[in-house]
Amino acid sequence: MWNPYRLRKAWDFTNVIQQKRKLFNSDFVIFCAPSDLVNCRFGIGIPKRLVKKATARNYYKRQIKNILILFLKANSCPIIQSQHYNLVVLIRPSFLTGDFLTKQKSLVQLINSLSQKKMSTLSQIKTARNSYD
């Protein structure tokens, strides 16, 4: 289930991060970029300076992946149905101290706020286009 929703290559991550569209809270930073594909794709980054051991980085990646899978099962890519996005999820230091439920709640709130923000900017663009017509 996860493979069609996954960013795989390093240049995919850098392209999304270079767009400099980001949203953040105390636990996560999410970078987003528009995509031409039929679904949203996610990439997960755990900085090596925060988590030294690879086994711990993989553990946190599995946690985030499970949160995203549960989110995608509940809502089928709610970011924007007409246009999909590539998202890169990076953790912040406070992520390491919380339990799974608070991490899940924090990430879901951030993704939902991202979808609301995109919907509001999309409606602003549509009203601007209508005012020019």
Protein backbone atom coordinates (compact mmCIF):
# COMPACT_ATOMS: atom_id res chain seq x y z
CA MET A 1 0.00 0.00 0.00
CA TRP A 2 2.79 2.42 0.79
CA ASN A 3 4.84 2.27 -2.44
CA PRO A 4 2.68 4.48 -4.72
CA TYR A 5 2.67 7.14 -1.99
CA ARG A 6 6.42 7.24 -1.45
CA LEU A 7 9.08 9.69 -2.63
CA ARG A 8 12.05 7.55 -3.51
CA LYS A 9 14.91 9.53 -4.99
CA ALA A 10 17.11 12.13 -3.35
CA TRP A 11 16.36 14.68 -6.07
CA ASP A 12 12.63 14.32 -5.33
CA PHE A 13 13.33 15.38 -1.77
CA THR A 14 15.53 18.29 -2.84
CA ASN A 15 13.01 19.49 -5.45
CA VAL A 16 10.25 19.57 -2.84
CA ILE A 17 12.44 21.31 -0.23
CA GLN A 18 13.69 23.88 -2.77
CA GLN A 19 10.10 25.00 -3.40
CA LYS A 20 10.30 26.55 0.11
CA ARG A 21 6.61 26.02 0.83
CA LYS A 22 6.51 24.72 4.34
CA LEU A 23 4.24 24.31 7.31
CA PHE A 24 5.47 23.43 10.77
CA ASN A 25 4.52 22.82 14.38
CA SER A 26 6.50 21.74 17.44
CA ASP A 27 7.05 18.16 16.18
CA PHE A 28 7.17 18.31 12.38
CA VAL A 29 8.10 20.39 9.35
CA ILE A 30 6.24 19.58 6.14
CA PHE A 31 7.52 20.84 2.79
CA CYS A 32 5.11 20.63 -0.15
CA ALA A 33 5.30 20.99 -3.91
CA PRO A 34 2.63 20.48 -6.60
CA SER A 35 2.65 17.18 -8.46
CA ASP A 36 1.22 16.02 -11.78
CA LEU A 37 0.57 12.51 -10.53
CA VAL A 38 -2.77 10.99 -9.59
CA ASN A 39 -1.98 10.78 -5.87
CA CYS A 40 -0.03 12.53 -3.14
CA ARG A 41 3.46 11.26 -2.39
CA PHE A 42 5.23 11.43 0.96
CA GLY A 43 8.88 11.41 1.93
CA ILE A 44 10.11 11.02 5.49
CA GLY A 45 13.35 12.54 6.72
CA ILE A 46 15.00 11.97 10.08
CA PRO A 47 18.07 14.19 10.50
CA LYS A 48 21.22 12.35 11.47
CA ARG A 49 22.18 15.14 13.83
CA LEU A 50 19.03 14.47 15.90
CA VAL A 51 19.10 10.66 15.87
CA LYS A 52 22.58 9.19 15.63
CA LYS A 53 21.82 5.48 15.29
CA ALA A 54 20.32 4.11 12.07
CA THR A 55 18.11 1.67 13.95
CA ALA A 56 16.49 4.53 15.86
CA ARG A 57 16.03 6.56 12.65
CA ASN A 58 14.33 3.58 11.04
CA TYR A 59 12.10 3.16 14.11
CA TYR A 60 10.92 6.77 13.86
CA LYS A 61 10.40 6.42 10.10
CA ARG A 62 8.22 3.38 10.71
CA GLN A 63 6.19 5.35 13.25
CA ILE A 64 5.61 8.22 10.80
CA LYS A 65 4.85 5.79 7.99
CA ASN A 66 2.22 4.05 10.12
CA ILE A 67 0.66 7.40 11.01
CA LEU A 68 0.48 8.33 7.32
CA ILE A 69 -0.97 4.94 6.34
CA LEU A 70 -3.68 5.27 8.99
CA PHE A 71 -4.37 8.80 7.77
CA LEU A 72 -4.58 7.73 4.12
CA LYS A 73 -6.92 4.86 4.98
CA ALA A 74 -9.22 7.29 6.79
CA ASN A 75 -9.14 9.98 4.06
CA SER A 76 -7.99 9.31 0.53
CA CYS A 77 -5.46 12.11 -0.02
CA PRO A 78 -7.51 15.05 1.24
CA ILE A 79 -4.87 17.66 0.45
CA ILE A 80 -6.65 18.84 -2.70
CA GLN A 81 -8.54 16.41 -4.88
CA SER A 82 -7.99 18.37 -8.10
CA GLN A 83 -4.26 18.84 -7.59
CA HIS A 84 -1.95 16.52 -5.68
CA TYR A 85 1.25 17.33 -3.84
CA ASN A 86 4.58 15.82 -2.95
CA LEU A 87 5.20 16.20 0.77
CA VAL A 88 8.43 15.80 2.73
CA VAL A 89 7.94 15.26 6.47
CA LEU A 90 10.90 16.15 8.70
CA ILE A 91 10.97 15.76 12.46
CA ARG A 92 11.96 18.32 15.05
CA PRO A 93 13.65 17.59 18.43
CA SER A 94 10.39 17.58 20.42
CA PHE A 95 9.21 14.60 18.33
CA LEU A 96 11.65 12.35 20.17
CA THR A 97 10.05 12.87 23.59
CA GLY A 98 6.35 12.32 22.83
CA ASP A 99 4.32 9.12 22.71
CA PHE A 100 2.74 7.68 19.56
CA LEU A 101 -0.75 9.14 20.05
CA THR A 102 0.51 12.70 20.50
CA LYS A 103 2.75 12.29 17.45
CA GLN A 104 -0.20 11.00 15.44
CA LYS A 105 -2.45 13.84 16.56
CA SER A 106 0.23 16.44 15.80
CA LEU A 107 0.93 15.14 12.28
CA VAL A 108 -2.75 14.73 11.37
CA GLN A 109 -3.50 18.27 12.56
CA LEU A 110 -0.62 19.61 10.49
CA ILE A 111 -1.76 17.78 7.34
CA ASN A 112 -5.34 18.93 7.87
CA SER A 113 -4.18 22.53 8.32
CA LEU A 114 -2.16 22.14 5.13
CA SER A 115 -5.26 21.01 3.24
CA GLN A 116 -7.30 23.91 4.66
CA LYS A 117 -4.56 26.36 3.73
CA LYS A 118 -4.39 25.00 0.18
CA MET A 119 -8.16 25.16 -0.15
CA SER A 120 -8.22 28.78 1.00
CA THR A 121 -5.46 29.80 -1.42
CA LEU A 122 -7.22 27.92 -4.21
CA SER A 123 -10.47 29.77 -3.51
CA GLN A 124 -8.59 33.09 -3.46
CA ILE A 125 -7.09 32.29 -6.85
CA LYS A 126 -10.52 31.41 -8.25
CA THR A 127 -12.07 34.65 -6.95
CA ALA A 128 -9.17 36.65 -8.38
CA ARG A 129 -9.67 34.99 -11.76
CA ASN A 130 -13.42 35.70 -11.64
CA SER A 131 -12.80 39.37 -10.82
CA TYR A 132 -10.62 39.70 -13.94
CA ASP A 133 -13.30 38.21 -16.19
